[in-house]
Amino acid sequence: MKFGITGKIGSGKDTVADKLVEKGFIHISLSDILREDLKRQGKNVTRDNLVELGARIRKEYGGAILAERAYAKVEEDKNYVFTSVGRTEEVEFFKSKGVKIIFVDAPLKLRFERARKRKRESEPLKFSDFKKLERIESKGKKLERNLDDIKKVSDIILLNDSSLNSLYKKIDSISKYQRPGWDDYFMELVKVVAKRATCGRGRTGCVITKNNHILATGYVGSAPGLPHCDDVGHLMVKTLHPDGVERDHCIRTTHAEQNAIAQAARNGISLEGATIYMKLEPCFSCAKQIITVGIKKVICAKRYHAGQETRKMFKKAGVALIALEDKNIDYERG
């Protein structure tokens, strides 16, 4: 299990993290990464300095840089809790790694009293100053914290407005092992299948199922006996899409969906009424094959930037299309 803890000042984020540590979770703080950087630079560890440094390195290296540095420390098969998550880019990165985001919250005056008592890194001691800081961190300037936006996309809202025992019970419930549902299970298998892909521009994979049984799998790769992109490079051509836009494509490999459908055909497996799970929406050509073989449901992790025609075809053909995240996947160039 991996959790990312976020929330407003004085909400009890560290208390939640400490309790998870007691349960065996390894704690990695994004703020501690900044604190270590400040100390190496010979600067005082103050809230202003933390905010300034955070904004500066995000501008230089991207909004998710602290999350990336934190996750680089992760060892698989261990439980982790990440704290001081303050940007939507960090949330998006953590979610892409399967980290559940917990937003800890509490009433404003209660949080002010908690913050006033702990006197951490020049936090405001006046209620008016506290509210002003809260407004800044809630709305977020560019490259600073934007907690209101993060709350909207968090997986769990944890209200810490009562006793410690009440909070601990909530944490116990959240950290209890959750058996994955079928969609989560098959999407995790898609990630494993995709590791066999041989084209670095998009290491995609797919899994075809029916009645929650796996019928076929496929990943993007060259036809048997032909060279792979990973070995000899990409075979790029310019392709005119149905939407009238010309795009660069690598044509050396066969798409994951096509390989899975071909595998089923070679083994005499009917795909009528099946569900296909994949990394991103299928292209125009793969969509036609999916319709033709009778697949009735498509579940993908993200959108495909040229997927408009696919969506139109699926709607006309009665194929259900579900994108778990309404965001395009970025491809490598070259």
C-alpha atoms as a PDB file:
ATOM      1  CA  MET A   1       0.000   0.000   0.000  1.00  0.00           C
ATOM      2  CA  LYS A   2       1.079   3.549  -0.753  1.00  0.00           C
ATOM      3  CA  PHE A   3      -0.627   6.715   0.513  1.00  0.00           C
ATOM      4  CA  GLY A   4       0.005  10.366  -0.229  1.00  0.00           C
ATOM      5  CA  ILE A   5      -1.051  12.685   2.599  1.00  0.00           C
ATOM      6  CA  THR A   6      -2.169  16.224   1.902  1.00  0.00           C
ATOM      7  CA  GLY A   7      -4.422  18.813   3.528  1.00  0.00           C
ATOM      8  CA  LYS A   8      -4.507  22.269   5.019  1.00  0.00           C
ATOM      9  CA  ILE A   9      -2.355  23.652   7.839  1.00  0.00           C
ATOM     10  CA  GLY A  10      -3.071  22.085  11.226  1.00  0.00           C
ATOM     11  CA  SER A  11      -5.405  19.427   9.850  1.00  0.00           C
ATOM     12  CA  GLY A  12      -3.397  16.573  11.374  1.00  0.00           C
ATOM     13  CA  LYS A  13      -1.473  15.317   8.359  1.00  0.00           C
ATOM     14  CA  ASP A  14       1.582  14.351  10.412  1.00  0.00           C
ATOM     15  CA  THR A  15      -0.601  12.582  12.973  1.00  0.00           C
ATOM     16  CA  VAL A  16      -2.057  10.437  10.201  1.00  0.00           C
ATOM     17  CA  ALA A  17       1.408   9.740   8.818  1.00  0.00           C
ATOM     18  CA  ASP A  18       2.795   8.859  12.268  1.00  0.00           C
ATOM     19  CA  LYS A  19      -0.015   6.371  12.826  1.00  0.00           C
ATOM     20  CA  LEU A  20       0.690   4.736   9.478  1.00  0.00           C
ATOM     21  CA  VAL A  21       4.378   4.534  10.406  1.00  0.00           C
ATOM     22  CA  GLU A  22       3.341   2.669  13.570  1.00  0.00           C
ATOM     23  CA  LYS A  23       1.605   0.215  11.249  1.00  0.00           C
ATOM     24  CA  GLY A  24       4.851  -0.401   9.371  1.00  0.00           C
ATOM     25  CA  PHE A  25       4.637   2.196   6.608  1.00  0.00           C
ATOM     26  CA  ILE A  26       7.845   3.941   5.513  1.00  0.00           C
ATOM     27  CA  HIS A  27       7.537   7.737   5.715  1.00  0.00           C
ATOM     28  CA  ILE A  28       8.927   9.975   2.957  1.00  0.00           C
ATOM     29  CA  SER A  29       8.303  13.720   3.269  1.00  0.00           C
ATOM     30  CA  LEU A  30       8.474  15.998   0.232  1.00  0.00           C
ATOM     31  CA  SER A  31       9.145  18.919   2.594  1.00  0.00           C
ATOM     32  CA  ASP A  32      12.083  17.038   4.117  1.00  0.00           C
ATOM     33  CA  ILE A  33      13.623  16.895   0.642  1.00  0.00           C
ATOM     34  CA  LEU A  34      13.397  20.697   0.521  1.00  0.00           C
ATOM     35  CA  ARG A  35      14.679  21.015   4.092  1.00  0.00           C
ATOM     36  CA  GLU A  36      17.742  18.953   3.191  1.00  0.00           C
ATOM     37  CA  ASP A  37      18.322  21.140   0.131  1.00  0.00           C
ATOM     38  CA  LEU A  38      18.084  24.313   2.237  1.00  0.00           C
ATOM     39  CA  LYS A  39      20.552  22.974   4.786  1.00  0.00           C
ATOM     40  CA  ARG A  40      23.025  22.094   2.049  1.00  0.00           C
ATOM     41  CA  GLN A  41      22.668  25.668   0.785  1.00  0.00           C
ATOM     42  CA  GLY A  42      23.281  27.064   4.288  1.00  0.00           C
ATOM     43  CA  LYS A  43      19.833  28.671   4.508  1.00  0.00           C
ATOM     44  CA  ASN A  44      17.408  28.754   7.448  1.00  0.00           C
ATOM     45  CA  VAL A  45      14.529  26.288   7.291  1.00  0.00           C
ATOM     46  CA  THR A  46      11.530  28.647   7.313  1.00  0.00           C
ATOM     47  CA  ARG A  47       8.154  28.375   5.616  1.00  0.00           C
ATOM     48  CA  ASP A  48       9.028  31.249   3.267  1.00  0.00           C
ATOM     49  CA  ASN A  49      12.297  29.607   2.258  1.00  0.00           C
ATOM     50  CA  LEU A  50      10.576  26.263   1.743  1.00  0.00           C
ATOM     51  CA  VAL A  51       7.914  27.857  -0.470  1.00  0.00           C
ATOM     52  CA  GLU A  52      10.472  29.859  -2.463  1.00  0.00           C
ATOM     53  CA  LEU A  53      12.743  26.861  -3.047  1.00  0.00           C
ATOM     54  CA  GLY A  54       9.809  24.617  -3.940  1.00  0.00           C
ATOM     55  CA  ALA A  55       8.537  27.109  -6.521  1.00  0.00           C
ATOM     56  CA  ARG A  56      12.001  27.550  -7.997  1.00  0.00           C
ATOM     57  CA  ILE A  57      12.793  23.884  -8.535  1.00  0.00           C
ATOM     58  CA  ARG A  58       9.280  23.202  -9.885  1.00  0.00           C
ATOM     59  CA  LYS A  59       9.827  25.950 -12.436  1.00  0.00           C
ATOM     60  CA  GLU A  60      13.144  24.435 -13.447  1.00  0.00           C
ATOM     61  CA  TYR A  61      12.332  20.714 -13.321  1.00  0.00           C
ATOM     62  CA  GLY A  62       8.524  20.490 -13.531  1.00  0.00           C
ATOM     63  CA  GLY A  63       5.649  20.523 -11.058  1.00  0.00           C
ATOM     64  CA  ALA A  64       6.059  16.863 -10.072  1.00  0.00           C
ATOM     65  CA  ILE A  65       9.799  16.981  -9.358  1.00  0.00           C
ATOM     66  CA  LEU A  66       9.505  16.528  -5.583  1.00  0.00           C
ATOM     67  CA  ALA A  67       7.137  13.586  -5.996  1.00  0.00           C
ATOM     68  CA  GLU A  68       9.526  12.057  -8.519  1.00  0.00           C
ATOM     69  CA  ARG A  69      12.479  12.459  -6.147  1.00  0.00           C
ATOM     70  CA  ALA A  70      10.454  10.949  -3.294  1.00  0.00           C
ATOM     71  CA  TYR A  71       9.231   7.988  -5.326  1.00  0.00           C
ATOM     72  CA  ALA A  72      12.777   7.241  -6.502  1.00  0.00           C
ATOM     73  CA  LYS A  73      13.409   5.984  -2.968  1.00  0.00           C
ATOM     74  CA  VAL A  74      10.642   3.380  -3.124  1.00  0.00           C
ATOM     75  CA  GLU A  75      11.309  -0.341  -2.931  1.00  0.00           C
ATOM     76  CA  GLU A  76       8.582  -2.549  -4.314  1.00  0.00           C
ATOM     77  CA  ASP A  77       6.449  -4.694  -1.992  1.00  0.00           C
ATOM     78  CA  LYS A  78       6.836  -2.235   0.909  1.00  0.00           C
ATOM     79  CA  ASN A  79       4.220   0.141   2.339  1.00  0.00           C
ATOM     80  CA  TYR A  80       4.861   3.885   2.027  1.00  0.00           C
ATOM     81  CA  VAL A  81       3.291   7.131   3.160  1.00  0.00           C
ATOM     82  CA  PHE A  82       4.265  10.363   1.391  1.00  0.00           C
ATOM     83  CA  THR A  83       3.599  13.683   3.111  1.00  0.00           C
ATOM     84  CA  SER A  84       3.673  17.381   2.150  1.00  0.00           C
ATOM     85  CA  VAL A  85       1.930  16.737  -1.161  1.00  0.00           C
ATOM     86  CA  GLY A  86       0.892  20.212  -2.298  1.00  0.00           C
ATOM     87  CA  ARG A  87       0.538  20.381  -6.094  1.00  0.00           C
ATOM     88  CA  THR A  88      -1.872  18.704  -8.513  1.00  0.00           C
ATOM     89  CA  GLU A  89       1.119  17.649 -10.620  1.00  0.00           C
ATOM     90  CA  GLU A  90       2.449  15.737  -7.608  1.00  0.00           C
ATOM     91  CA  VAL A  91      -0.955  14.127  -7.102  1.00  0.00           C
ATOM     92  CA  GLU A  92      -1.126  13.095 -10.769  1.00  0.00           C
ATOM     93  CA  PHE A  93       2.353  11.575 -10.607  1.00  0.00           C
ATOM     94  CA  PHE A  94       1.603   9.645  -7.412  1.00  0.00           C
ATOM     95  CA  LYS A  95      -1.719   8.399  -8.780  1.00  0.00           C
ATOM     96  CA  SER A  96       0.056   7.145 -11.898  1.00  0.00           C
ATOM     97  CA  LYS A  97       2.141   4.992  -9.528  1.00  0.00           C
ATOM     98  CA  GLY A  98      -0.907   3.616  -7.707  1.00  0.00           C
ATOM     99  CA  VAL A  99      -0.577   5.888  -4.661  1.00  0.00           C
ATOM    100  CA  LYS A 100      -3.900   6.720  -2.945  1.00  0.00           C
ATOM    101  CA  ILE A 101      -4.238  10.395  -2.017  1.00  0.00           C
ATOM    102  CA  ILE A 102      -5.693  11.195   1.432  1.00  0.00           C
ATOM    103  CA  PHE A 103      -6.829  14.780   2.045  1.00  0.00           C
ATOM    104  CA  VAL A 104      -6.905  15.481   5.803  1.00  0.00           C
ATOM    105  CA  ASP A 105      -9.221  18.300   6.863  1.00  0.00           C
ATOM    106  CA  ALA A 106     -10.684  19.962   9.978  1.00  0.00           C
ATOM    107  CA  PRO A 107     -12.566  23.180  10.835  1.00  0.00           C
ATOM    108  CA  LEU A 108     -10.564  26.394  10.368  1.00  0.00           C
ATOM    109  CA  LYS A 109     -10.441  27.539  14.023  1.00  0.00           C
ATOM    110  CA  LEU A 110      -9.510  24.080  15.251  1.00  0.00           C
ATOM    111  CA  ARG A 111      -6.642  23.932  12.772  1.00  0.00           C
ATOM    112  CA  PHE A 112      -5.461  27.403  13.817  1.00  0.00           C
ATOM    113  CA  GLU A 113      -5.280  26.341  17.482  1.00  0.00           C
ATOM    114  CA  ARG A 114      -3.275  23.258  16.553  1.00  0.00           C
ATOM    115  CA  ALA A 115      -0.849  25.272  14.412  1.00  0.00           C
ATOM    116  CA  ARG A 116      -0.470  27.983  17.069  1.00  0.00           C
ATOM    117  CA  LYS A 117       0.493  25.448  19.722  1.00  0.00           C
ATOM    118  CA  ARG A 118       3.170  23.713  17.671  1.00  0.00           C
ATOM    119  CA  LYS A 119       4.885  26.978  16.466  1.00  0.00           C
ATOM    120  CA  ARG A 120       6.442  25.380  13.417  1.00  0.00           C
ATOM    121  CA  GLU A 121       8.726  27.249  11.006  1.00  0.00           C
ATOM    122  CA  SER A 122       7.287  30.722  11.513  1.00  0.00           C
ATOM    123  CA  GLU A 123       3.640  29.716  11.080  1.00  0.00           C
ATOM    124  CA  PRO A 124       1.264  32.654  11.802  1.00  0.00           C
ATOM    125  CA  LEU A 125       0.354  33.217  15.450  1.00  0.00           C
ATOM    126  CA  LYS A 126      -2.528  35.573  14.593  1.00  0.00           C
ATOM    127  CA  PHE A 127      -5.826  34.237  13.269  1.00  0.00           C
ATOM    128  CA  SER A 128      -5.992  36.908  10.553  1.00  0.00           C
ATOM    129  CA  ASP A 129      -2.526  35.971   9.284  1.00  0.00           C
ATOM    130  CA  PHE A 130      -3.454  32.299   9.428  1.00  0.00           C
ATOM    131  CA  LYS A 131      -6.502  32.902   7.236  1.00  0.00           C
ATOM    132  CA  LYS A 132      -4.410  34.902   4.783  1.00  0.00           C
ATOM    133  CA  LEU A 133      -1.862  32.083   4.479  1.00  0.00           C
ATOM    134  CA  GLU A 134      -4.718  29.625   4.094  1.00  0.00           C
ATOM    135  CA  ARG A 135      -6.120  31.569   1.141  1.00  0.00           C
ATOM    136  CA  ILE A 136      -2.716  31.567  -0.552  1.00  0.00           C
ATOM    137  CA  GLU A 137      -2.209  27.824  -0.128  1.00  0.00           C
ATOM    138  CA  SER A 138      -5.797  26.973  -1.029  1.00  0.00           C
ATOM    139  CA  LYS A 139      -5.948  28.797  -4.345  1.00  0.00           C
ATOM    140  CA  GLY A 140      -2.277  28.495  -5.174  1.00  0.00           C
ATOM    141  CA  LYS A 141      -0.260  30.725  -7.392  1.00  0.00           C
ATOM    142  CA  LYS A 142       1.609  29.108 -10.244  1.00  0.00           C
ATOM    143  CA  LEU A 143       4.128  26.568  -8.873  1.00  0.00           C
ATOM    144  CA  GLU A 144       2.881  27.011  -5.271  1.00  0.00           C
ATOM    145  CA  ARG A 145       0.418  24.874  -3.320  1.00  0.00           C
ATOM    146  CA  ASN A 146      -3.134  24.594  -4.700  1.00  0.00           C
ATOM    147  CA  LEU A 147      -4.938  22.606  -2.033  1.00  0.00           C
ATOM    148  CA  ASP A 148      -8.511  23.353  -3.170  1.00  0.00           C
ATOM    149  CA  ASP A 149      -7.808  21.707  -6.528  1.00  0.00           C
ATOM    150  CA  ILE A 150      -6.073  18.779  -4.826  1.00  0.00           C
ATOM    151  CA  LYS A 151      -9.072  18.149  -2.554  1.00  0.00           C
ATOM    152  CA  LYS A 152     -11.291  17.692  -5.610  1.00  0.00           C
ATOM    153  CA  VAL A 153      -9.139  14.886  -6.996  1.00  0.00           C
ATOM    154  CA  SER A 154      -8.164  13.162  -3.731  1.00  0.00           C
ATOM    155  CA  ASP A 155      -9.180   9.538  -3.265  1.00  0.00           C
ATOM    156  CA  ILE A 156     -10.108   9.886   0.417  1.00  0.00           C
ATOM    157  CA  ILE A 157     -11.303  12.898   2.456  1.00  0.00           C
ATOM    158  CA  LEU A 158     -10.365  12.283   6.108  1.00  0.00           C
ATOM    159  CA  LEU A 159     -12.127  14.623   8.541  1.00  0.00           C
ATOM    160  CA  ASN A 160     -10.081  15.076  11.712  1.00  0.00           C
ATOM    161  CA  ASP A 161     -12.468  17.088  13.900  1.00  0.00           C
ATOM    162  CA  SER A 162     -12.825  14.836  16.940  1.00  0.00           C
ATOM    163  CA  SER A 163     -10.687  12.732  19.282  1.00  0.00           C
ATOM    164  CA  LEU A 164      -7.476  10.904  18.456  1.00  0.00           C
ATOM    165  CA  ASN A 165      -9.226   7.582  18.979  1.00  0.00           C
ATOM    166  CA  SER A 166     -11.810   8.557  16.388  1.00  0.00           C
ATOM    167  CA  LEU A 167      -9.052   9.521  13.937  1.00  0.00           C
ATOM    168  CA  TYR A 168      -7.157   6.281  14.583  1.00  0.00           C
ATOM    169  CA  LYS A 169     -10.268   4.224  13.829  1.00  0.00           C
ATOM    170  CA  LYS A 170     -10.608   5.999  10.498  1.00  0.00           C
ATOM    171  CA  ILE A 171      -6.951   5.327   9.723  1.00  0.00           C
ATOM    172  CA  ASP A 172      -7.391   1.654  10.648  1.00  0.00           C
ATOM    173  CA  SER A 173     -10.271   1.416   8.194  1.00  0.00           C
ATOM    174  CA  ILE A 174      -8.377   3.156   5.390  1.00  0.00           C
ATOM    175  CA  SER A 175      -5.170   1.153   5.824  1.00  0.00           C
ATOM    176  CA  LYS A 176      -6.919  -2.205   5.963  1.00  0.00           C
ATOM    177  CA  TYR A 177      -5.993  -4.341   2.971  1.00  0.00           C
ATOM    178  CA  GLN A 178      -8.414  -3.757   0.127  1.00  0.00           C
ATOM    179  CA  ARG A 179      -8.878  -6.570  -2.337  1.00  0.00           C
ATOM    180  CA  PRO A 180      -8.833  -5.017  -5.833  1.00  0.00           C
ATOM    181  CA  GLY A 181     -11.971  -5.077  -7.968  1.00  0.00           C
ATOM    182  CA  TRP A 182     -11.970  -6.808 -11.342  1.00  0.00           C
ATOM    183  CA  ASP A 183     -11.248  -3.640 -13.335  1.00  0.00           C
ATOM    184  CA  ASP A 184      -8.310  -2.717 -11.070  1.00  0.00           C
ATOM    185  CA  TYR A 185      -7.038  -6.286 -11.246  1.00  0.00           C
ATOM    186  CA  PHE A 186      -7.059  -6.448 -15.031  1.00  0.00           C
ATOM    187  CA  MET A 187      -5.608  -2.943 -15.416  1.00  0.00           C
ATOM    188  CA  GLU A 188      -2.685  -3.973 -13.227  1.00  0.00           C
ATOM    189  CA  LEU A 189      -2.163  -6.969 -15.513  1.00  0.00           C
ATOM    190  CA  VAL A 190      -2.137  -4.578 -18.487  1.00  0.00           C
ATOM    191  CA  LYS A 191       0.864  -2.833 -16.906  1.00  0.00           C
ATOM    192  CA  VAL A 192       2.688  -6.158 -16.570  1.00  0.00           C
ATOM    193  CA  VAL A 193       1.896  -7.199 -20.152  1.00  0.00           C
ATOM    194  CA  ALA A 194       3.091  -3.782 -21.426  1.00  0.00           C
ATOM    195  CA  LYS A 195       6.550  -4.454 -19.982  1.00  0.00           C
ATOM    196  CA  ARG A 196       7.061  -6.924 -22.845  1.00  0.00           C
ATOM    197  CA  ALA A 197       6.543  -4.155 -25.431  1.00  0.00           C
ATOM    198  CA  THR A 198       9.435  -3.408 -27.770  1.00  0.00           C
ATOM    199  CA  CYS A 199       8.645   0.125 -28.996  1.00  0.00           C
ATOM    200  CA  GLY A 200       9.786   2.854 -26.599  1.00  0.00           C
ATOM    201  CA  ARG A 201       7.427   5.490 -28.006  1.00  0.00           C
ATOM    202  CA  GLY A 202       4.520   3.789 -26.280  1.00  0.00           C
ATOM    203  CA  ARG A 203       4.981   0.585 -24.323  1.00  0.00           C
ATOM    204  CA  THR A 204       1.343  -0.426 -24.441  1.00  0.00           C
ATOM    205  CA  GLY A 205      -0.346  -3.672 -23.515  1.00  0.00           C
ATOM    206  CA  CYS A 206      -3.861  -5.074 -23.324  1.00  0.00           C
ATOM    207  CA  VAL A 207      -5.841  -7.890 -21.757  1.00  0.00           C
ATOM    208  CA  ILE A 208      -9.051  -9.354 -23.233  1.00  0.00           C
ATOM    209  CA  THR A 209     -11.505 -10.970 -20.815  1.00  0.00           C
ATOM    210  CA  LYS A 210     -14.977 -12.478 -20.674  1.00  0.00           C
ATOM    211  CA  ASN A 211     -16.894 -13.225 -17.491  1.00  0.00           C
ATOM    212  CA  ASN A 212     -13.738 -12.146 -15.619  1.00  0.00           C
ATOM    213  CA  HIS A 213     -11.600 -14.817 -17.281  1.00  0.00           C
ATOM    214  CA  ILE A 214      -8.590 -13.909 -19.423  1.00  0.00           C
ATOM    215  CA  LEU A 215      -8.958 -14.891 -23.085  1.00  0.00           C
ATOM    216  CA  ALA A 216      -5.868 -13.247 -24.610  1.00  0.00           C
ATOM    217  CA  THR A 217      -3.138 -10.687 -23.987  1.00  0.00           C
ATOM    218  CA  GLY A 218      -1.050  -8.556 -26.309  1.00  0.00           C
ATOM    219  CA  TYR A 219       1.655  -5.911 -26.323  1.00  0.00           C
ATOM    220  CA  VAL A 220       3.066  -3.610 -28.965  1.00  0.00           C
ATOM    221  CA  GLY A 221       5.876  -5.388 -30.809  1.00  0.00           C
ATOM    222  CA  SER A 222       7.187  -6.418 -34.206  1.00  0.00           C
ATOM    223  CA  ALA A 223       5.821  -9.417 -36.081  1.00  0.00           C
ATOM    224  CA  PRO A 224       7.608 -12.693 -35.198  1.00  0.00           C
ATOM    225  CA  GLY A 225      11.067 -12.890 -36.715  1.00  0.00           C
ATOM    226  CA  LEU A 226      11.298  -9.173 -37.553  1.00  0.00           C
ATOM    227  CA  PRO A 227      13.572  -6.644 -35.798  1.00  0.00           C
ATOM    228  CA  HIS A 228      12.335  -4.623 -32.820  1.00  0.00           C
ATOM    229  CA  CYS A 229      12.404  -0.857 -32.341  1.00  0.00           C
ATOM    230  CA  ASP A 230      14.410  -1.331 -29.151  1.00  0.00           C
ATOM    231  CA  ASP A 231      17.130  -2.999 -31.232  1.00  0.00           C
ATOM    232  CA  VAL A 232      17.185  -1.095 -34.548  1.00  0.00           C
ATOM    233  CA  GLY A 233      15.234   2.102 -33.894  1.00  0.00           C
ATOM    234  CA  HIS A 234      11.837   3.356 -34.994  1.00  0.00           C
ATOM    235  CA  LEU A 235      10.449   3.170 -38.526  1.00  0.00           C
ATOM    236  CA  MET A 236       8.748   6.574 -38.719  1.00  0.00           C
ATOM    237  CA  VAL A 237       6.272   7.708 -41.381  1.00  0.00           C
ATOM    238  CA  LYS A 238       3.869  10.601 -41.669  1.00  0.00           C
ATOM    239  CA  THR A 239       0.249   9.442 -41.516  1.00  0.00           C
ATOM    240  CA  LEU A 240      -2.865  11.406 -42.459  1.00  0.00           C
ATOM    241  CA  HIS A 241      -5.556  10.693 -39.873  1.00  0.00           C
ATOM    242  CA  PRO A 242      -9.321  10.696 -40.457  1.00  0.00           C
ATOM    243  CA  ASP A 243      -9.528  14.034 -38.635  1.00  0.00           C
ATOM    244  CA  GLY A 244      -7.329  15.589 -41.341  1.00  0.00           C
ATOM    245  CA  VAL A 245      -4.253  15.982 -39.139  1.00  0.00           C
ATOM    246  CA  GLU A 246      -0.876  14.644 -40.291  1.00  0.00           C
ATOM    247  CA  ARG A 247       1.097  12.914 -37.515  1.00  0.00           C
ATOM    248  CA  ASP A 248       4.354  10.980 -37.171  1.00  0.00           C
ATOM    249  CA  HIS A 249       3.963   7.270 -36.449  1.00  0.00           C
ATOM    250  CA  CYS A 250       6.233   4.302 -35.943  1.00  0.00           C
ATOM    251  CA  ILE A 251       4.991   1.466 -38.199  1.00  0.00           C
ATOM    252  CA  ARG A 252       7.587  -1.166 -37.312  1.00  0.00           C
ATOM    253  CA  THR A 253       5.408  -2.774 -34.648  1.00  0.00           C
ATOM    254  CA  THR A 254       1.925  -4.263 -34.392  1.00  0.00           C
ATOM    255  CA  HIS A 255      -0.373  -2.612 -31.854  1.00  0.00           C
ATOM    256  CA  ALA A 256      -1.162  -4.372 -28.587  1.00  0.00           C
ATOM    257  CA  GLU A 257      -4.863  -4.793 -29.440  1.00  0.00           C
ATOM    258  CA  GLN A 258      -4.053  -6.295 -32.834  1.00  0.00           C
ATOM    259  CA  ASN A 259      -1.605  -8.751 -31.286  1.00  0.00           C
ATOM    260  CA  ALA A 260      -4.137  -9.839 -28.665  1.00  0.00           C
ATOM    261  CA  ILE A 261      -6.871 -10.312 -31.278  1.00  0.00           C
ATOM    262  CA  ALA A 262      -4.443 -12.258 -33.494  1.00  0.00           C
ATOM    263  CA  GLN A 263      -3.453 -14.447 -30.546  1.00  0.00           C
ATOM    264  CA  ALA A 264      -7.098 -15.293 -29.898  1.00  0.00           C
ATOM    265  CA  ALA A 265      -7.648 -16.100 -33.585  1.00  0.00           C
ATOM    266  CA  ARG A 266      -4.624 -18.423 -33.720  1.00  0.00           C
ATOM    267  CA  ASN A 267      -5.967 -20.309 -30.717  1.00  0.00           C
ATOM    268  CA  GLY A 268      -9.547 -20.462 -31.962  1.00  0.00           C
ATOM    269  CA  ILE A 269     -10.949 -18.270 -29.170  1.00  0.00           C
ATOM    270  CA  SER A 270     -14.143 -16.311 -29.838  1.00  0.00           C
ATOM    271  CA  LEU A 271     -14.115 -12.703 -28.585  1.00  0.00           C
ATOM    272  CA  GLU A 272     -17.854 -12.173 -28.979  1.00  0.00           C
ATOM    273  CA  GLY A 273     -19.126 -10.138 -26.007  1.00  0.00           C
ATOM    274  CA  ALA A 274     -15.650  -9.742 -24.497  1.00  0.00           C
ATOM    275  CA  THR A 275     -14.102  -6.794 -22.624  1.00  0.00           C
ATOM    276  CA  ILE A 276     -10.697  -5.403 -23.553  1.00  0.00           C
ATOM    277  CA  TYR A 277      -8.468  -3.539 -21.070  1.00  0.00           C
ATOM    278  CA  MET A 278      -5.671  -1.310 -22.360  1.00  0.00           C
ATOM    279  CA  LYS A 279      -3.304   1.515 -21.565  1.00  0.00           C
ATOM    280  CA  LEU A 280      -4.916   4.054 -23.910  1.00  0.00           C
ATOM    281  CA  GLU A 281      -7.817   4.384 -26.314  1.00  0.00           C
ATOM    282  CA  PRO A 282      -7.398   2.310 -29.480  1.00  0.00           C
ATOM    283  CA  CYS A 283      -6.491   3.950 -32.769  1.00  0.00           C
ATOM    284  CA  PHE A 284      -8.870   4.055 -35.739  1.00  0.00           C
ATOM    285  CA  SER A 285      -7.588   0.763 -37.230  1.00  0.00           C
ATOM    286  CA  CYS A 286      -7.622  -1.151 -33.941  1.00  0.00           C
ATOM    287  CA  ALA A 287     -11.099   0.164 -33.167  1.00  0.00           C
ATOM    288  CA  LYS A 288     -12.424  -1.369 -36.381  1.00  0.00           C
ATOM    289  CA  GLN A 289     -10.934  -4.732 -35.481  1.00  0.00           C
ATOM    290  CA  ILE A 290     -12.386  -4.543 -31.964  1.00  0.00           C
ATOM    291  CA  ILE A 291     -15.847  -3.937 -33.425  1.00  0.00           C
ATOM    292  CA  THR A 292     -15.454  -6.674 -36.047  1.00  0.00           C
ATOM    293  CA  VAL A 293     -14.519  -9.450 -33.580  1.00  0.00           C
ATOM    294  CA  GLY A 294     -17.493  -8.636 -31.333  1.00  0.00           C
ATOM    295  CA  ILE A 295     -15.799  -7.035 -28.320  1.00  0.00           C
ATOM    296  CA  LYS A 296     -18.470  -5.014 -26.522  1.00  0.00           C
ATOM    297  CA  LYS A 297     -16.581  -3.083 -23.835  1.00  0.00           C
ATOM    298  CA  VAL A 298     -13.319  -1.138 -23.924  1.00  0.00           C
ATOM    299  CA  ILE A 299     -11.673   0.064 -20.697  1.00  0.00           C
ATOM    300  CA  CYS A 300      -8.549   2.206 -21.028  1.00  0.00           C
ATOM    301  CA  ALA A 301      -6.339   4.042 -18.552  1.00  0.00           C
ATOM    302  CA  LYS A 302      -6.104   7.281 -20.556  1.00  0.00           C
ATOM    303  CA  ARG A 303      -7.175   8.990 -23.759  1.00  0.00           C
ATOM    304  CA  TYR A 304      -5.461   8.836 -27.152  1.00  0.00           C
ATOM    305  CA  HIS A 305      -4.761  12.247 -28.697  1.00  0.00           C
ATOM    306  CA  ALA A 306      -6.216  11.078 -32.055  1.00  0.00           C
ATOM    307  CA  GLY A 307      -9.136   9.124 -30.603  1.00  0.00           C
ATOM    308  CA  GLN A 308     -12.028  11.273 -31.839  1.00  0.00           C
ATOM    309  CA  GLU A 309     -12.979   8.962 -34.732  1.00  0.00           C
ATOM    310  CA  THR A 310     -12.654   5.903 -32.513  1.00  0.00           C
ATOM    311  CA  ARG A 311     -15.196   7.362 -30.081  1.00  0.00           C
ATOM    312  CA  LYS A 312     -17.649   8.071 -32.912  1.00  0.00           C
ATOM    313  CA  MET A 313     -17.317   4.524 -34.299  1.00  0.00           C
ATOM    314  CA  PHE A 314     -17.757   2.865 -30.919  1.00  0.00           C
ATOM    315  CA  LYS A 315     -20.883   4.900 -30.230  1.00  0.00           C
ATOM    316  CA  LYS A 316     -22.440   3.884 -33.557  1.00  0.00           C
ATOM    317  CA  ALA A 317     -21.437   0.224 -33.099  1.00  0.00           C
ATOM    318  CA  GLY A 318     -22.716  -0.003 -29.525  1.00  0.00           C
ATOM    319  CA  VAL A 319     -19.289  -0.602 -27.973  1.00  0.00           C
ATOM    320  CA  ALA A 320     -18.973   0.840 -24.458  1.00  0.00           C
ATOM    321  CA  LEU A 321     -15.845   2.962 -23.985  1.00  0.00           C
ATOM    322  CA  ILE A 322     -14.594   3.874 -20.506  1.00  0.00           C
ATOM    323  CA  ALA A 323     -11.504   6.041 -19.958  1.00  0.00           C
ATOM    324  CA  LEU A 324     -10.435   5.843 -16.312  1.00  0.00           C
ATOM    325  CA  GLU A 325      -8.598   9.163 -16.631  1.00  0.00           C
ATOM    326  CA  ASP A 326      -9.670  11.902 -19.042  1.00  0.00           C
ATOM    327  CA  LYS A 327      -6.111  12.756 -20.028  1.00  0.00           C
ATOM    328  CA  ASN A 328      -3.926  12.042 -23.054  1.00  0.00           C
ATOM    329  CA  ILE A 329      -0.793   9.900 -22.876  1.00  0.00           C
ATOM    330  CA  ASP A 330       2.346  11.698 -24.031  1.00  0.00           C
ATOM    331  CA  TYR A 331       4.506   9.875 -26.555  1.00  0.00           C
ATOM    332  CA  GLU A 332       8.254   9.981 -26.849  1.00  0.00           C
ATOM    333  CA  ARG A 333       9.545  11.613 -30.011  1.00  0.00           C
ATOM    334  CA  GLY A 334      11.944  10.053 -32.492  1.00  0.00           C
END
